[in-house]
Structures are given as structure tokens and as C-alpha cells.
Amino acid sequence: MSTQTISIDFPNDIFLALNESETDLKNRIKLTLAVELYKSQKLTIGKAAQLSGMTRLNFEMELSKNKISISNLTEEDVLGDIEKLK
């Protein structure tokens, strides 16, 4: 898999204020970005999990922990599917 690097500059005291290492902050930023892109339907759940660096199952568990739906189906979608099956 090919990757690209995006560099963001932070003042050194940010790491102290957050009490996080650079790696921890990087992982948190990736997860937050992945969640937001999933919520805005810019990425599928699989691609968002990939961006976060988590397995799909762990990403879904993270979404669930934060009360974010792992399905974009609406009630109308489900009812429409039921009608098609009749």
C-alpha cells in the first residue's frame, strides 16, 4: 500500500499541555479525522478504519463507544428492503 505523509507543526509545549507523546497525538489525530470523515460520509467505514490505523472491528467498537452509528441505513431504507422481499 502506498502512503503519503502530511506534516503539521505544533509548538513543543502542546505535547506537554496534552501530556502525550508525538506518537499518541498522531494516533489520536488520525482516529479523529477518520471518525469525522466517516460521519460526513466522505469515507466508508472500511476506508475510515484503514485511515485510523485500526482494524475494522476495533474502529467499529470505537464508533459504538462514542455513540456513532456503524450503519448509514435509514428507517426508509430498511422498510423499502422489506417491501422488496415480499
C-alpha atoms as a PDB file:
ATOM      1  CA  MET A   1       0.000   0.000   0.000  1.00  0.00           C
ATOM      2  CA  SER A   2       1.364   3.376  -1.000  1.00  0.00           C
ATOM      3  CA  THR A   3       1.183   6.194   1.538  1.00  0.00           C
ATOM      4  CA  GLN A   4       1.639   9.945   1.640  1.00  0.00           C
ATOM      5  CA  THR A   5       2.881  11.984   4.555  1.00  0.00           C
ATOM      6  CA  ILE A   6       1.281  15.199   5.755  1.00  0.00           C
ATOM      7  CA  SER A   7       3.315  17.283   8.163  1.00  0.00           C
ATOM      8  CA  ILE A   8       1.734  19.515  10.819  1.00  0.00           C
ATOM      9  CA  ASP A   9       3.805  21.787  13.022  1.00  0.00           C
ATOM     10  CA  PHE A  10       2.919  22.070  16.725  1.00  0.00           C
ATOM     11  CA  PRO A  11       4.566  24.191  19.381  1.00  0.00           C
ATOM     12  CA  ASN A  12       6.584  21.951  21.729  1.00  0.00           C
ATOM     13  CA  ASP A  13       4.529  22.977  24.742  1.00  0.00           C
ATOM     14  CA  ILE A  14       1.408  21.439  23.175  1.00  0.00           C
ATOM     15  CA  PHE A  15       2.787  17.972  23.898  1.00  0.00           C
ATOM     16  CA  LEU A  16       3.425  18.995  27.499  1.00  0.00           C
ATOM     17  CA  ALA A  17      -0.029  20.554  27.833  1.00  0.00           C
ATOM     18  CA  LEU A  18      -1.660  17.408  26.466  1.00  0.00           C
ATOM     19  CA  ASN A  19       0.711  15.112  28.363  1.00  0.00           C
ATOM     20  CA  GLU A  20       1.022  13.000  25.204  1.00  0.00           C
ATOM     21  CA  SER A  21       3.865  11.788  23.114  1.00  0.00           C
ATOM     22  CA  GLU A  22       4.132  12.693  19.462  1.00  0.00           C
ATOM     23  CA  THR A  23       3.046   9.158  18.551  1.00  0.00           C
ATOM     24  CA  ASP A  24       0.000   9.284  20.833  1.00  0.00           C
ATOM     25  CA  LEU A  25      -1.096  12.623  19.394  1.00  0.00           C
ATOM     26  CA  LYS A  26      -0.545  11.377  15.835  1.00  0.00           C
ATOM     27  CA  ASN A  27      -2.737   8.343  16.515  1.00  0.00           C
ATOM     28  CA  ARG A  28      -5.436  10.487  18.118  1.00  0.00           C
ATOM     29  CA  ILE A  29      -5.442  12.888  15.167  1.00  0.00           C
ATOM     30  CA  LYS A  30      -5.721  10.004  12.686  1.00  0.00           C
ATOM     31  CA  LEU A  31      -8.619   8.468  14.627  1.00  0.00           C
ATOM     32  CA  THR A  32     -10.426  11.799  14.985  1.00  0.00           C
ATOM     33  CA  LEU A  33     -10.012  12.545  11.274  1.00  0.00           C
ATOM     34  CA  ALA A  34     -11.197   9.068  10.315  1.00  0.00           C
ATOM     35  CA  VAL A  35     -14.290   9.369  12.524  1.00  0.00           C
ATOM     36  CA  GLU A  36     -15.169  12.799  11.143  1.00  0.00           C
ATOM     37  CA  LEU A  37     -14.711  11.694   7.524  1.00  0.00           C
ATOM     38  CA  TYR A  38     -16.874   8.628   8.203  1.00  0.00           C
ATOM     39  CA  LYS A  39     -19.587  10.705   9.906  1.00  0.00           C
ATOM     40  CA  SER A  40     -19.669  13.133   6.971  1.00  0.00           C
ATOM     41  CA  GLN A  41     -19.874  10.144   4.579  1.00  0.00           C
ATOM     42  CA  LYS A  42     -16.621  11.093   2.863  1.00  0.00           C
ATOM     43  CA  LEU A  43     -15.138   7.661   3.662  1.00  0.00           C
ATOM     44  CA  THR A  44     -16.657   4.220   4.005  1.00  0.00           C
ATOM     45  CA  ILE A  45     -16.281   2.501   7.341  1.00  0.00           C
ATOM     46  CA  GLY A  46     -13.549   0.278   5.877  1.00  0.00           C
ATOM     47  CA  LYS A  47     -11.527   3.197   4.500  1.00  0.00           C
ATOM     48  CA  ALA A  48     -12.013   5.170   7.721  1.00  0.00           C
ATOM     49  CA  ALA A  49     -10.731   2.185   9.717  1.00  0.00           C
ATOM     50  CA  GLN A  50      -7.733   1.992   7.384  1.00  0.00           C
ATOM     51  CA  LEU A  51      -7.007   5.707   7.868  1.00  0.00           C
ATOM     52  CA  SER A  52      -7.261   5.356  11.644  1.00  0.00           C
ATOM     53  CA  GLY A  53      -4.734   2.508  11.613  1.00  0.00           C
ATOM     54  CA  MET A  54      -7.223   0.242  13.375  1.00  0.00           C
ATOM     55  CA  THR A  55      -8.859  -2.998  12.343  1.00  0.00           C
ATOM     56  CA  ARG A  56     -12.405  -2.572  11.108  1.00  0.00           C
ATOM     57  CA  LEU A  57     -13.742  -4.307  14.220  1.00  0.00           C
ATOM     58  CA  ASN A  58     -11.777  -2.032  16.559  1.00  0.00           C
ATOM     59  CA  PHE A  59     -12.857   1.040  14.582  1.00  0.00           C
ATOM     60  CA  GLU A  60     -16.494  -0.059  14.803  1.00  0.00           C
ATOM     61  CA  MET A  61     -16.069  -0.559  18.550  1.00  0.00           C
ATOM     62  CA  GLU A  62     -14.629   2.965  18.810  1.00  0.00           C
ATOM     63  CA  LEU A  63     -17.620   4.345  16.892  1.00  0.00           C
ATOM     64  CA  SER A  64     -20.011   2.445  19.132  1.00  0.00           C
ATOM     65  CA  LYS A  65     -18.217   3.680  22.257  1.00  0.00           C
ATOM     66  CA  ASN A  66     -18.788   7.234  21.006  1.00  0.00           C
ATOM     67  CA  LYS A  67     -22.438   6.530  20.088  1.00  0.00           C
ATOM     68  CA  ILE A  68     -21.810   6.865  16.342  1.00  0.00           C
ATOM     69  CA  SER A  69     -23.871   4.584  14.130  1.00  0.00           C
ATOM     70  CA  ILE A  70     -21.951   1.964  12.175  1.00  0.00           C
ATOM     71  CA  SER A  71     -24.695   1.914   9.556  1.00  0.00           C
ATOM     72  CA  ASN A  72     -25.906   4.707   7.307  1.00  0.00           C
ATOM     73  CA  LEU A  73     -29.208   2.959   6.596  1.00  0.00           C
ATOM     74  CA  THR A  74     -32.313   4.958   7.307  1.00  0.00           C
ATOM     75  CA  GLU A  75     -35.618   3.548   8.501  1.00  0.00           C
ATOM     76  CA  GLU A  76     -36.969   4.144   4.983  1.00  0.00           C
ATOM     77  CA  ASP A  77     -34.112   2.069   3.502  1.00  0.00           C
ATOM     78  CA  VAL A  78     -34.948  -0.856   5.789  1.00  0.00           C
ATOM     79  CA  LEU A  79     -38.701  -0.629   5.135  1.00  0.00           C
ATOM     80  CA  GLY A  80     -38.048  -0.426   1.390  1.00  0.00           C
ATOM     81  CA  ASP A  81     -35.897  -3.546   1.548  1.00  0.00           C
ATOM     82  CA  ILE A  82     -38.623  -5.376   3.481  1.00  0.00           C
ATOM     83  CA  GLU A  83     -41.165  -4.468   0.794  1.00  0.00           C
ATOM     84  CA  LYS A  84     -38.849  -5.744  -1.929  1.00  0.00           C
ATOM     85  CA  LEU A  85     -38.531  -9.076  -0.146  1.00  0.00           C
ATOM     86  CA  LYS A  86     -42.299  -9.632  -0.002  1.00  0.00           C
END
